[in-house]
Amino acid sequence: MKLFEKPKHISKRKKEKLRLQEKEEIRQDKKVMKEKFKSFDLKPFFGGIAVGIANIIPGVSGGTMLVIFDLFEKLANSISDLFKKGSTTKKQSFIFLLKVGLGAVIGIVAFAKVLGFTLSHIEAETIFWFMGLILFSVPIIIRNELKGEKFNIIFFLIGALIIGALEYFNLNGGLANTGDDGSILNYLVLAGLGAIGGISMIFPGISGSMVMLVLGKYEMVRSYIDQVTSLDINIYIKLIIFGIGAILGVIISSKVLSKVINKFRGKTVSLILGFIIASALILPLNLETKLVLSTEKICGLLVSFVLGGVLIYLLDRLEKKNSD
């Protein structure tokens, strides 16, 4: 008897079969890991943070951030899905909305002081950074959102003109301001303002703070938020009424937008692009401090603008890598 027996000969056919089997097992393992990774997708969360940051800055739209992060259509569909009878994806829609909502709250709370500092010390550079962020994202929005549909110049111009009109009223002091008391009529007005704020919050290119300024109610709403720590029950009642209106505005607008995008994608995206580009170009008009141009200042503004574009480029590269 031999101490060491020679291993049994394996035919080429069997070797190939084993190799293919091993390859298939690896592929299945990768598929499982990919599905697990998707379930922990943090893109909606970070997109929500961007929405929260945008809502702090007057003139910058939270909806634009949703479009840049390719979350706008999914958000509209998810909200609509929650109220759809017989839907089997309500849980997934709720988790998605929770991620965006949590990110938005963190964005507002965590970055309020940071942006407060930058807007106080380098306001123009901060605004130009947002301009770069928005304008460099336009080609990506066209690629991701049009999806073969034709660009409509008429709807694009309509969107730009609407933003121009809002800015015109904003620069001229807004519309007539009504009183603020505890009457039922004013509570109804407050709920209506909340609904308008909710619509402008989700609609790309339209800044909620700009709309409130145009309506002459920005300072009133801001003062309510500032008085949260006062523990005044009347302030809490007013904020709750405003919040209910905002939630209704988001729900109604998202349901309408979901249907409109699916039916008239080309025209709707063209309109949104008009909103986005026009709102980005007029951002410098909302500067609180007078812009004094010098060589150093111009260089700083250009660097800030380009840095916004670089961030969008890196986010797009990351998105492509994840999808591949």
C-alpha atoms as a PDB file:
ATOM      1  CA  MET A   1       0.000   0.000   0.000  1.00  0.00           C
ATOM      2  CA  LYS A   2       1.315   3.462  -0.999  1.00  0.00           C
ATOM      3  CA  LEU A   3       1.764   6.060   1.698  1.00  0.00           C
ATOM      4  CA  PHE A   4       0.602   8.885  -0.572  1.00  0.00           C
ATOM      5  CA  GLU A   5      -2.094   8.257  -3.083  1.00  0.00           C
ATOM      6  CA  LYS A   6      -2.264  10.419  -6.193  1.00  0.00           C
ATOM      7  CA  PRO A   7      -5.297  12.641  -6.328  1.00  0.00           C
ATOM      8  CA  LYS A   8      -8.024  11.468  -8.595  1.00  0.00           C
ATOM      9  CA  HIS A   9      -7.939  12.945 -12.063  1.00  0.00           C
ATOM     10  CA  ILE A  10     -10.682  15.565 -12.676  1.00  0.00           C
ATOM     11  CA  SER A  11     -11.821  15.940 -16.221  1.00  0.00           C
ATOM     12  CA  LYS A  12     -11.794  19.334 -17.966  1.00  0.00           C
ATOM     13  CA  ARG A  13     -15.553  19.251 -18.232  1.00  0.00           C
ATOM     14  CA  LYS A  14     -15.930  18.768 -14.477  1.00  0.00           C
ATOM     15  CA  LYS A  15     -13.369  21.489 -13.761  1.00  0.00           C
ATOM     16  CA  GLU A  16     -15.323  23.920 -15.949  1.00  0.00           C
ATOM     17  CA  LYS A  17     -18.560  22.940 -14.200  1.00  0.00           C
ATOM     18  CA  LEU A  18     -16.994  23.573 -10.766  1.00  0.00           C
ATOM     19  CA  ARG A  19     -15.585  26.894 -11.944  1.00  0.00           C
ATOM     20  CA  LEU A  20     -18.976  28.058 -13.232  1.00  0.00           C
ATOM     21  CA  GLN A  21     -20.646  26.908 -10.009  1.00  0.00           C
ATOM     22  CA  GLU A  22     -18.134  28.850  -7.926  1.00  0.00           C
ATOM     23  CA  LYS A  23     -18.616  31.926 -10.142  1.00  0.00           C
ATOM     24  CA  GLU A  24     -22.401  31.709  -9.723  1.00  0.00           C
ATOM     25  CA  GLU A  25     -22.062  31.467  -5.921  1.00  0.00           C
ATOM     26  CA  ILE A  26     -19.860  34.582  -5.893  1.00  0.00           C
ATOM     27  CA  ARG A  27     -22.393  36.403  -8.086  1.00  0.00           C
ATOM     28  CA  GLN A  28     -25.248  35.454  -5.762  1.00  0.00           C
ATOM     29  CA  ASP A  29     -23.261  36.609  -2.716  1.00  0.00           C
ATOM     30  CA  LYS A  30     -22.615  39.957  -4.406  1.00  0.00           C
ATOM     31  CA  LYS A  31     -26.303  40.258  -5.272  1.00  0.00           C
ATOM     32  CA  VAL A  32     -27.288  39.637  -1.636  1.00  0.00           C
ATOM     33  CA  MET A  33     -24.759  42.218  -0.416  1.00  0.00           C
ATOM     34  CA  LYS A  34     -26.005  44.742  -2.983  1.00  0.00           C
ATOM     35  CA  GLU A  35     -29.609  44.288  -1.828  1.00  0.00           C
ATOM     36  CA  LYS A  36     -28.518  44.729   1.801  1.00  0.00           C
ATOM     37  CA  PHE A  37     -26.628  47.893   0.817  1.00  0.00           C
ATOM     38  CA  LYS A  38     -29.713  49.263  -0.972  1.00  0.00           C
ATOM     39  CA  SER A  39     -31.814  48.757   2.142  1.00  0.00           C
ATOM     40  CA  PHE A  40     -29.342  51.029   3.985  1.00  0.00           C
ATOM     41  CA  ASP A  41     -29.282  53.614   1.163  1.00  0.00           C
ATOM     42  CA  LEU A  42     -28.285  56.933   2.737  1.00  0.00           C
ATOM     43  CA  LYS A  43     -28.767  59.068  -0.379  1.00  0.00           C
ATOM     44  CA  PRO A  44     -32.284  60.219   0.718  1.00  0.00           C
ATOM     45  CA  PHE A  45     -30.856  61.147   4.124  1.00  0.00           C
ATOM     46  CA  PHE A  46     -28.027  63.281   2.692  1.00  0.00           C
ATOM     47  CA  GLY A  47     -30.444  64.751   0.152  1.00  0.00           C
ATOM     48  CA  GLY A  48     -32.701  65.693   3.061  1.00  0.00           C
ATOM     49  CA  ILE A  49     -29.774  67.434   4.781  1.00  0.00           C
ATOM     50  CA  ALA A  50     -29.218  69.474   1.591  1.00  0.00           C
ATOM     51  CA  VAL A  51     -32.928  70.383   1.553  1.00  0.00           C
ATOM     52  CA  GLY A  52     -32.727  71.526   5.190  1.00  0.00           C
ATOM     53  CA  ILE A  53     -29.640  73.666   4.494  1.00  0.00           C
ATOM     54  CA  ALA A  54     -31.271  75.193   1.398  1.00  0.00           C
ATOM     55  CA  ASN A  55     -34.385  76.179   3.354  1.00  0.00           C
ATOM     56  CA  ILE A  56     -32.242  78.249   5.718  1.00  0.00           C
ATOM     57  CA  ILE A  57     -30.941  80.479   2.920  1.00  0.00           C
ATOM     58  CA  PRO A  58     -33.367  83.052   1.456  1.00  0.00           C
ATOM     59  CA  GLY A  59     -33.759  82.545  -2.296  1.00  0.00           C
ATOM     60  CA  VAL A  60     -32.480  78.942  -2.338  1.00  0.00           C
ATOM     61  CA  SER A  61     -35.071  76.235  -3.013  1.00  0.00           C
ATOM     62  CA  GLY A  62     -35.249  72.960  -1.094  1.00  0.00           C
ATOM     63  CA  GLY A  63     -36.990  71.414  -4.110  1.00  0.00           C
ATOM     64  CA  THR A  64     -33.945  72.240  -6.244  1.00  0.00           C
ATOM     65  CA  MET A  65     -31.794  70.187  -3.883  1.00  0.00           C
ATOM     66  CA  LEU A  66     -34.231  67.279  -4.312  1.00  0.00           C
ATOM     67  CA  VAL A  67     -33.789  67.492  -8.094  1.00  0.00           C
ATOM     68  CA  ILE A  68     -29.989  67.727  -7.816  1.00  0.00           C
ATOM     69  CA  PHE A  69     -29.930  64.585  -5.650  1.00  0.00           C
ATOM     70  CA  ASP A  70     -32.364  62.862  -8.069  1.00  0.00           C
ATOM     71  CA  LEU A  71     -34.959  62.481  -5.281  1.00  0.00           C
ATOM     72  CA  PHE A  72     -37.686  64.864  -6.442  1.00  0.00           C
ATOM     73  CA  GLU A  73     -39.811  62.443  -8.475  1.00  0.00           C
ATOM     74  CA  LYS A  74     -39.389  59.636  -5.956  1.00  0.00           C
ATOM     75  CA  LEU A  75     -40.467  61.935  -3.118  1.00  0.00           C
ATOM     76  CA  ALA A  76     -43.615  62.969  -4.997  1.00  0.00           C
ATOM     77  CA  ASN A  77     -44.413  59.347  -5.828  1.00  0.00           C
ATOM     78  CA  SER A  78     -43.731  58.166  -2.251  1.00  0.00           C
ATOM     79  CA  ILE A  79     -46.096  60.730  -0.723  1.00  0.00           C
ATOM     80  CA  SER A  80     -48.740  59.803  -3.284  1.00  0.00           C
ATOM     81  CA  ASP A  81     -48.123  56.105  -2.569  1.00  0.00           C
ATOM     82  CA  LEU A  82     -48.874  56.522   1.150  1.00  0.00           C
ATOM     83  CA  PHE A  83     -52.445  57.572   0.349  1.00  0.00           C
ATOM     84  CA  LYS A  84     -53.014  55.042  -2.429  1.00  0.00           C
ATOM     85  CA  LYS A  85     -55.434  52.238  -1.622  1.00  0.00           C
ATOM     86  CA  GLY A  86     -54.089  48.720  -2.017  1.00  0.00           C
ATOM     87  CA  SER A  87     -50.465  49.837  -2.382  1.00  0.00           C
ATOM     88  CA  THR A  88     -47.925  47.139  -1.476  1.00  0.00           C
ATOM     89  CA  THR A  89     -44.983  49.552  -1.162  1.00  0.00           C
ATOM     90  CA  LYS A  90     -46.246  51.826   1.634  1.00  0.00           C
ATOM     91  CA  LYS A  91     -43.549  50.614   4.042  1.00  0.00           C
ATOM     92  CA  GLN A  92     -40.726  51.395   1.587  1.00  0.00           C
ATOM     93  CA  SER A  93     -42.285  54.794   0.814  1.00  0.00           C
ATOM     94  CA  PHE A  94     -42.579  55.620   4.525  1.00  0.00           C
ATOM     95  CA  ILE A  95     -38.928  54.650   5.185  1.00  0.00           C
ATOM     96  CA  PHE A  96     -37.793  56.787   2.231  1.00  0.00           C
ATOM     97  CA  LEU A  97     -39.795  59.801   3.454  1.00  0.00           C
ATOM     98  CA  LEU A  98     -38.508  59.268   7.002  1.00  0.00           C
ATOM     99  CA  LYS A  99     -34.903  59.400   5.751  1.00  0.00           C
ATOM    100  CA  VAL A 100     -35.523  62.615   3.793  1.00  0.00           C
ATOM    101  CA  GLY A 101     -37.460  64.195   6.670  1.00  0.00           C
ATOM    102  CA  LEU A 102     -34.846  63.279   9.278  1.00  0.00           C
ATOM    103  CA  GLY A 103     -32.074  64.607   7.044  1.00  0.00           C
ATOM    104  CA  ALA A 104     -33.980  67.881   6.517  1.00  0.00           C
ATOM    105  CA  VAL A 105     -34.424  68.396  10.266  1.00  0.00           C
ATOM    106  CA  ILE A 106     -30.717  67.698  10.891  1.00  0.00           C
ATOM    107  CA  GLY A 107     -29.786  70.005   8.014  1.00  0.00           C
ATOM    108  CA  ILE A 108     -31.806  72.870   9.479  1.00  0.00           C
ATOM    109  CA  VAL A 109     -30.689  72.360  13.094  1.00  0.00           C
ATOM    110  CA  ALA A 110     -27.037  71.344  12.616  1.00  0.00           C
ATOM    111  CA  PHE A 111     -26.113  73.750   9.831  1.00  0.00           C
ATOM    112  CA  ALA A 112     -28.151  76.789  10.881  1.00  0.00           C
ATOM    113  CA  LYS A 113     -25.287  78.205  12.948  1.00  0.00           C
ATOM    114  CA  VAL A 114     -22.633  77.260  10.362  1.00  0.00           C
ATOM    115  CA  LEU A 115     -24.538  78.994   7.582  1.00  0.00           C
ATOM    116  CA  GLY A 116     -25.413  81.844   9.905  1.00  0.00           C
ATOM    117  CA  PHE A 117     -21.660  82.389  10.382  1.00  0.00           C
ATOM    118  CA  THR A 118     -20.794  82.119   6.660  1.00  0.00           C
ATOM    119  CA  LEU A 119     -23.690  84.368   5.617  1.00  0.00           C
ATOM    120  CA  SER A 120     -22.571  86.955   8.194  1.00  0.00           C
ATOM    121  CA  HIS A 121     -18.866  86.893   7.247  1.00  0.00           C
ATOM    122  CA  ILE A 122     -18.688  85.651   3.633  1.00  0.00           C
ATOM    123  CA  GLU A 123     -22.268  86.117   2.415  1.00  0.00           C
ATOM    124  CA  ALA A 124     -21.460  86.655  -1.272  1.00  0.00           C
ATOM    125  CA  GLU A 125     -19.096  83.654  -1.429  1.00  0.00           C
ATOM    126  CA  THR A 126     -21.743  81.435   0.205  1.00  0.00           C
ATOM    127  CA  ILE A 127     -24.395  82.586  -2.290  1.00  0.00           C
ATOM    128  CA  PHE A 128     -22.042  82.043  -5.260  1.00  0.00           C
ATOM    129  CA  TRP A 129     -21.246  78.554  -3.936  1.00  0.00           C
ATOM    130  CA  PHE A 130     -24.955  77.770  -4.085  1.00  0.00           C
ATOM    131  CA  MET A 131     -25.123  79.276  -7.581  1.00  0.00           C
ATOM    132  CA  GLY A 132     -22.371  76.902  -8.712  1.00  0.00           C
ATOM    133  CA  LEU A 133     -24.117  74.010  -6.994  1.00  0.00           C
ATOM    134  CA  ILE A 134     -27.368  74.749  -8.851  1.00  0.00           C
ATOM    135  CA  LEU A 135     -26.124  75.791 -12.312  1.00  0.00           C
ATOM    136  CA  PHE A 136     -23.559  72.979 -12.708  1.00  0.00           C
ATOM    137  CA  SER A 137     -26.314  70.496 -11.885  1.00  0.00           C
ATOM    138  CA  VAL A 138     -28.472  71.585 -14.872  1.00  0.00           C
ATOM    139  CA  PRO A 139     -26.865  69.180 -17.429  1.00  0.00           C
ATOM    140  CA  ILE A 140     -27.274  66.317 -14.924  1.00  0.00           C
ATOM    141  CA  ILE A 141     -30.936  67.248 -14.353  1.00  0.00           C
ATOM    142  CA  ILE A 142     -31.552  67.272 -18.126  1.00  0.00           C
ATOM    143  CA  ARG A 143     -29.888  63.870 -18.478  1.00  0.00           C
ATOM    144  CA  ASN A 144     -31.704  62.262 -15.525  1.00  0.00           C
ATOM    145  CA  GLU A 145     -35.138  63.868 -15.772  1.00  0.00           C
ATOM    146  CA  LEU A 146     -35.996  64.458 -19.452  1.00  0.00           C
ATOM    147  CA  LYS A 147     -35.482  60.750 -20.303  1.00  0.00           C
ATOM    148  CA  GLY A 148     -35.835  61.148 -24.048  1.00  0.00           C
ATOM    149  CA  GLU A 149     -38.583  63.794 -23.909  1.00  0.00           C
ATOM    150  CA  LYS A 150     -38.166  67.052 -25.868  1.00  0.00           C
ATOM    151  CA  PHE A 151     -37.102  70.244 -24.106  1.00  0.00           C
ATOM    152  CA  ASN A 152     -39.898  72.850 -24.324  1.00  0.00           C
ATOM    153  CA  ILE A 153     -38.569  76.416 -24.599  1.00  0.00           C
ATOM    154  CA  ILE A 154     -42.009  78.018 -24.016  1.00  0.00           C
ATOM    155  CA  PHE A 155     -42.509  76.291 -20.633  1.00  0.00           C
ATOM    156  CA  PHE A 156     -38.885  77.057 -19.753  1.00  0.00           C
ATOM    157  CA  LEU A 157     -39.503  80.781 -20.347  1.00  0.00           C
ATOM    158  CA  ILE A 158     -42.780  80.658 -18.379  1.00  0.00           C
ATOM    159  CA  GLY A 159     -40.873  79.192 -15.401  1.00  0.00           C
ATOM    160  CA  ALA A 160     -38.185  81.887 -15.663  1.00  0.00           C
ATOM    161  CA  LEU A 161     -40.809  84.668 -15.891  1.00  0.00           C
ATOM    162  CA  ILE A 162     -42.655  83.385 -12.784  1.00  0.00           C
ATOM    163  CA  ILE A 163     -39.409  83.531 -10.759  1.00  0.00           C
ATOM    164  CA  GLY A 164     -38.696  86.984 -12.200  1.00  0.00           C
ATOM    165  CA  ALA A 165     -42.147  88.198 -11.112  1.00  0.00           C
ATOM    166  CA  LEU A 166     -41.685  86.810  -7.596  1.00  0.00           C
ATOM    167  CA  GLU A 167     -38.301  88.530  -7.321  1.00  0.00           C
ATOM    168  CA  TYR A 168     -39.760  91.804  -8.631  1.00  0.00           C
ATOM    169  CA  PHE A 169     -42.405  91.856  -5.882  1.00  0.00           C
ATOM    170  CA  ASN A 170     -39.791  90.754  -3.346  1.00  0.00           C
ATOM    171  CA  LEU A 171     -37.441  93.652  -4.199  1.00  0.00           C
ATOM    172  CA  ASN A 172     -40.352  96.095  -4.085  1.00  0.00           C
ATOM    173  CA  GLY A 173     -41.364  95.221  -0.548  1.00  0.00           C
ATOM    174  CA  GLY A 174     -43.780  92.376  -1.186  1.00  0.00           C
ATOM    175  CA  LEU A 175     -47.549  92.478  -1.292  1.00  0.00           C
ATOM    176  CA  ALA A 176     -49.761  94.174   1.276  1.00  0.00           C
ATOM    177  CA  ASN A 177     -49.230  92.810   4.760  1.00  0.00           C
ATOM    178  CA  THR A 178     -52.308  91.905   6.801  1.00  0.00           C
ATOM    179  CA  GLY A 179     -52.572  92.125  10.573  1.00  0.00           C
ATOM    180  CA  ASP A 180     -51.664  89.319  12.974  1.00  0.00           C
ATOM    181  CA  ASP A 181     -54.177  88.585  15.719  1.00  0.00           C
ATOM    182  CA  GLY A 182     -55.950  85.601  17.217  1.00  0.00           C
ATOM    183  CA  SER A 183     -59.079  85.771  15.039  1.00  0.00           C
ATOM    184  CA  ILE A 184     -60.352  82.711  13.164  1.00  0.00           C
ATOM    185  CA  LEU A 185     -59.792  84.537   9.866  1.00  0.00           C
ATOM    186  CA  ASN A 186     -56.109  85.044  10.646  1.00  0.00           C
ATOM    187  CA  TYR A 187     -55.748  81.407  11.704  1.00  0.00           C
ATOM    188  CA  LEU A 188     -57.191  80.426   8.310  1.00  0.00           C
ATOM    189  CA  VAL A 189     -54.740  82.829   6.624  1.00  0.00           C
ATOM    190  CA  LEU A 190     -51.921  81.240   8.616  1.00  0.00           C
ATOM    191  CA  ALA A 191     -52.962  77.744   7.490  1.00  0.00           C
ATOM    192  CA  GLY A 192     -53.103  79.036   3.908  1.00  0.00           C
ATOM    193  CA  LEU A 193     -49.602  80.492   4.273  1.00  0.00           C
ATOM    194  CA  GLY A 194     -48.415  77.123   5.568  1.00  0.00           C
ATOM    195  CA  ALA A 195     -49.923  75.409   2.509  1.00  0.00           C
ATOM    196  CA  ILE A 196     -48.186  77.894   0.186  1.00  0.00           C
ATOM    197  CA  GLY A 197     -44.939  77.311   2.087  1.00  0.00           C
ATOM    198  CA  GLY A 198     -45.364  73.533   1.744  1.00  0.00           C
ATOM    199  CA  ILE A 199     -45.932  73.816  -2.000  1.00  0.00           C
ATOM    200  CA  SER A 200     -42.922  76.102  -2.468  1.00  0.00           C
ATOM    201  CA  MET A 201     -40.849  73.788  -0.265  1.00  0.00           C
ATOM    202  CA  ILE A 202     -41.274  70.836  -2.624  1.00  0.00           C
ATOM    203  CA  PHE A 203     -41.426  72.731  -5.941  1.00  0.00           C
ATOM    204  CA  PRO A 204     -37.921  73.068  -7.459  1.00  0.00           C
ATOM    205  CA  GLY A 205     -36.613  76.568  -8.036  1.00  0.00           C
ATOM    206  CA  ILE A 206     -39.172  78.325  -5.832  1.00  0.00           C
ATOM    207  CA  SER A 207     -37.809  79.484  -2.490  1.00  0.00           C
ATOM    208  CA  GLY A 208     -40.265  79.297   0.404  1.00  0.00           C
ATOM    209  CA  SER A 209     -38.600  82.242   2.137  1.00  0.00           C
ATOM    210  CA  MET A 210     -38.869  84.328  -1.058  1.00  0.00           C
ATOM    211  CA  VAL A 211     -42.600  83.538  -1.345  1.00  0.00           C
ATOM    212  CA  MET A 212     -43.130  84.565   2.291  1.00  0.00           C
ATOM    213  CA  LEU A 213     -41.238  87.806   1.627  1.00  0.00           C
ATOM    214  CA  VAL A 214     -43.409  88.527  -1.429  1.00  0.00           C
ATOM    215  CA  LEU A 215     -46.552  87.931   0.652  1.00  0.00           C
ATOM    216  CA  GLY A 216     -45.198  90.184   3.394  1.00  0.00           C
ATOM    217  CA  LYS A 217     -45.281  87.388   5.990  1.00  0.00           C
ATOM    218  CA  TYR A 218     -41.621  86.340   6.238  1.00  0.00           C
ATOM    219  CA  GLU A 219     -40.826  88.297   9.403  1.00  0.00           C
ATOM    220  CA  MET A 220     -44.057  87.137  11.077  1.00  0.00           C
ATOM    221  CA  VAL A 221     -43.331  83.439  10.455  1.00  0.00           C
ATOM    222  CA  ARG A 222     -39.658  83.855  11.388  1.00  0.00           C
ATOM    223  CA  SER A 223     -40.645  85.565  14.655  1.00  0.00           C
ATOM    224  CA  TYR A 224     -42.866  82.593  15.561  1.00  0.00           C
ATOM    225  CA  ILE A 225     -39.932  80.219  15.078  1.00  0.00           C
ATOM    226  CA  ASP A 226     -37.636  82.495  17.105  1.00  0.00           C
ATOM    227  CA  GLN A 227     -40.146  82.452  20.005  1.00  0.00           C
ATOM    228  CA  VAL A 228     -40.323  78.636  20.304  1.00  0.00           C
ATOM    229  CA  THR A 229     -38.283  78.743  23.529  1.00  0.00           C
ATOM    230  CA  SER A 230     -40.640  81.313  25.088  1.00  0.00           C
ATOM    231  CA  LEU A 231     -43.120  78.503  25.957  1.00  0.00           C
ATOM    232  CA  ASP A 232     -45.981  80.777  24.861  1.00  0.00           C
ATOM    233  CA  ILE A 233     -48.999  78.550  24.105  1.00  0.00           C
ATOM    234  CA  ASN A 234     -50.289  81.012  21.479  1.00  0.00           C
ATOM    235  CA  ILE A 235     -47.018  80.724  19.544  1.00  0.00           C
ATOM    236  CA  TYR A 236     -47.264  76.914  19.615  1.00  0.00           C
ATOM    237  CA  ILE A 237     -50.877  77.054  18.367  1.00  0.00           C
ATOM    238  CA  LYS A 238     -49.870  79.327  15.471  1.00  0.00           C
ATOM    239  CA  LEU A 239     -46.894  77.118  14.542  1.00  0.00           C
ATOM    240  CA  ILE A 240     -49.067  73.974  14.663  1.00  0.00           C
ATOM    241  CA  ILE A 241     -51.664  75.606  12.375  1.00  0.00           C
ATOM    242  CA  PHE A 242     -48.897  76.749  10.010  1.00  0.00           C
ATOM    243  CA  GLY A 243     -47.348  73.228  10.138  1.00  0.00           C
ATOM    244  CA  ILE A 244     -50.672  71.522   9.350  1.00  0.00           C
ATOM    245  CA  GLY A 245     -51.076  73.835   6.359  1.00  0.00           C
ATOM    246  CA  ALA A 246     -47.501  73.060   5.223  1.00  0.00           C
ATOM    247  CA  ILE A 247     -48.082  69.291   5.452  1.00  0.00           C
ATOM    248  CA  LEU A 248     -51.314  69.603   3.434  1.00  0.00           C
ATOM    249  CA  GLY A 249     -49.455  71.750   0.877  1.00  0.00           C
ATOM    250  CA  VAL A 250     -46.699  69.140   0.486  1.00  0.00           C
ATOM    251  CA  ILE A 251     -49.213  66.275   0.146  1.00  0.00           C
ATOM    252  CA  ILE A 252     -51.449  68.053  -2.387  1.00  0.00           C
ATOM    253  CA  SER A 253     -48.578  69.429  -4.499  1.00  0.00           C
ATOM    254  CA  SER A 254     -46.704  66.109  -4.532  1.00  0.00           C
ATOM    255  CA  LYS A 255     -49.785  64.208  -5.696  1.00  0.00           C
ATOM    256  CA  VAL A 256     -50.424  66.743  -8.465  1.00  0.00           C
ATOM    257  CA  LEU A 257     -46.744  66.866  -9.492  1.00  0.00           C
ATOM    258  CA  SER A 258     -46.506  63.069  -9.588  1.00  0.00           C
ATOM    259  CA  LYS A 259     -49.384  62.893 -12.086  1.00  0.00           C
ATOM    260  CA  VAL A 260     -48.220  65.884 -14.129  1.00  0.00           C
ATOM    261  CA  ILE A 261     -44.637  64.587 -14.441  1.00  0.00           C
ATOM    262  CA  ASN A 262     -45.802  61.160 -15.570  1.00  0.00           C
ATOM    263  CA  LYS A 263     -48.184  62.651 -18.162  1.00  0.00           C
ATOM    264  CA  PHE A 264     -46.269  65.746 -19.340  1.00  0.00           C
ATOM    265  CA  ARG A 265     -42.650  65.020 -18.436  1.00  0.00           C
ATOM    266  CA  GLY A 266     -40.987  67.177 -21.111  1.00  0.00           C
ATOM    267  CA  LYS A 267     -43.054  70.293 -20.404  1.00  0.00           C
ATOM    268  CA  THR A 268     -42.902  69.885 -16.615  1.00  0.00           C
ATOM    269  CA  VAL A 269     -39.118  69.382 -16.537  1.00  0.00           C
ATOM    270  CA  SER A 270     -38.679  72.381 -18.884  1.00  0.00           C
ATOM    271  CA  LEU A 271     -40.808  74.515 -16.529  1.00  0.00           C
ATOM    272  CA  ILE A 272     -38.779  73.330 -13.520  1.00  0.00           C
ATOM    273  CA  LEU A 273     -35.518  74.114 -15.340  1.00  0.00           C
ATOM    274  CA  GLY A 274     -36.835  77.639 -15.936  1.00  0.00           C
ATOM    275  CA  PHE A 275     -37.520  77.946 -12.198  1.00  0.00           C
ATOM    276  CA  ILE A 276     -34.105  76.563 -11.241  1.00  0.00           C
ATOM    277  CA  ILE A 277     -31.909  78.556 -13.642  1.00  0.00           C
ATOM    278  CA  ALA A 278     -33.737  81.855 -13.062  1.00  0.00           C
ATOM    279  CA  SER A 279     -33.690  81.433  -9.268  1.00  0.00           C
ATOM    280  CA  ALA A 280     -29.926  80.726  -9.361  1.00  0.00           C
ATOM    281  CA  LEU A 281     -29.156  83.769 -11.538  1.00  0.00           C
ATOM    282  CA  ILE A 282     -31.077  86.192  -9.303  1.00  0.00           C
ATOM    283  CA  LEU A 283     -29.549  84.939  -6.035  1.00  0.00           C
ATOM    284  CA  PRO A 284     -27.019  87.847  -5.876  1.00  0.00           C
ATOM    285  CA  LEU A 285     -29.982  90.301  -5.858  1.00  0.00           C
ATOM    286  CA  ASN A 286     -30.897  88.979  -2.387  1.00  0.00           C
ATOM    287  CA  LEU A 287     -27.547  89.913  -0.816  1.00  0.00           C
ATOM    288  CA  GLU A 288     -28.067  91.906   2.383  1.00  0.00           C
ATOM    289  CA  THR A 289     -24.618  93.522   2.244  1.00  0.00           C
ATOM    290  CA  LYS A 290     -23.571  95.643  -0.728  1.00  0.00           C
ATOM    291  CA  LEU A 291     -21.193  93.780  -3.045  1.00  0.00           C
ATOM    292  CA  VAL A 292     -17.982  95.772  -3.567  1.00  0.00           C
ATOM    293  CA  LEU A 293     -15.976  94.170  -6.371  1.00  0.00           C
ATOM    294  CA  SER A 294     -12.199  93.981  -6.292  1.00  0.00           C
ATOM    295  CA  THR A 295      -9.701  91.560  -7.864  1.00  0.00           C
ATOM    296  CA  GLU A 296      -9.494  89.600  -4.616  1.00  0.00           C
ATOM    297  CA  LYS A 297     -13.290  89.535  -4.246  1.00  0.00           C
ATOM    298  CA  ILE A 298     -13.884  88.415  -7.837  1.00  0.00           C
ATOM    299  CA  CYS A 299     -11.358  85.579  -7.427  1.00  0.00           C
ATOM    300  CA  GLY A 300     -13.062  84.495  -4.197  1.00  0.00           C
ATOM    301  CA  LEU A 301     -16.494  84.467  -5.865  1.00  0.00           C
ATOM    302  CA  LEU A 302     -15.197  82.474  -8.846  1.00  0.00           C
ATOM    303  CA  VAL A 303     -13.508  79.934  -6.564  1.00  0.00           C
ATOM    304  CA  SER A 304     -16.717  79.540  -4.539  1.00  0.00           C
ATOM    305  CA  PHE A 305     -18.771  79.135  -7.736  1.00  0.00           C
ATOM    306  CA  VAL A 306     -16.389  76.480  -9.110  1.00  0.00           C
ATOM    307  CA  LEU A 307     -16.282  74.636  -5.762  1.00  0.00           C
ATOM    308  CA  GLY A 308     -20.068  74.294  -5.957  1.00  0.00           C
ATOM    309  CA  GLY A 309     -19.625  72.746  -9.413  1.00  0.00           C
ATOM    310  CA  VAL A 310     -16.866  70.429  -8.192  1.00  0.00           C
ATOM    311  CA  LEU A 311     -19.138  69.101  -5.438  1.00  0.00           C
ATOM    312  CA  ILE A 312     -21.877  68.379  -8.000  1.00  0.00           C
ATOM    313  CA  TYR A 313     -19.345  66.620 -10.271  1.00  0.00           C
ATOM    314  CA  LEU A 314     -18.123  64.420  -7.403  1.00  0.00           C
ATOM    315  CA  LEU A 315     -21.684  63.567  -6.350  1.00  0.00           C
ATOM    316  CA  ASP A 316     -22.535  62.647  -9.949  1.00  0.00           C
ATOM    317  CA  ARG A 317     -19.427  60.439 -10.232  1.00  0.00           C
ATOM    318  CA  LEU A 318     -20.357  58.712  -6.967  1.00  0.00           C
ATOM    319  CA  GLU A 319     -23.930  58.186  -8.197  1.00  0.00           C
ATOM    320  CA  LYS A 320     -22.693  56.633 -11.478  1.00  0.00           C
ATOM    321  CA  LYS A 321     -20.280  54.368  -9.601  1.00  0.00           C
ATOM    322  CA  ASN A 322     -23.039  53.123  -7.265  1.00  0.00           C
ATOM    323  CA  SER A 323     -25.444  52.491 -10.148  1.00  0.00           C
ATOM    324  CA  ASP A 324     -22.743  50.559 -12.053  1.00  0.00           C
END
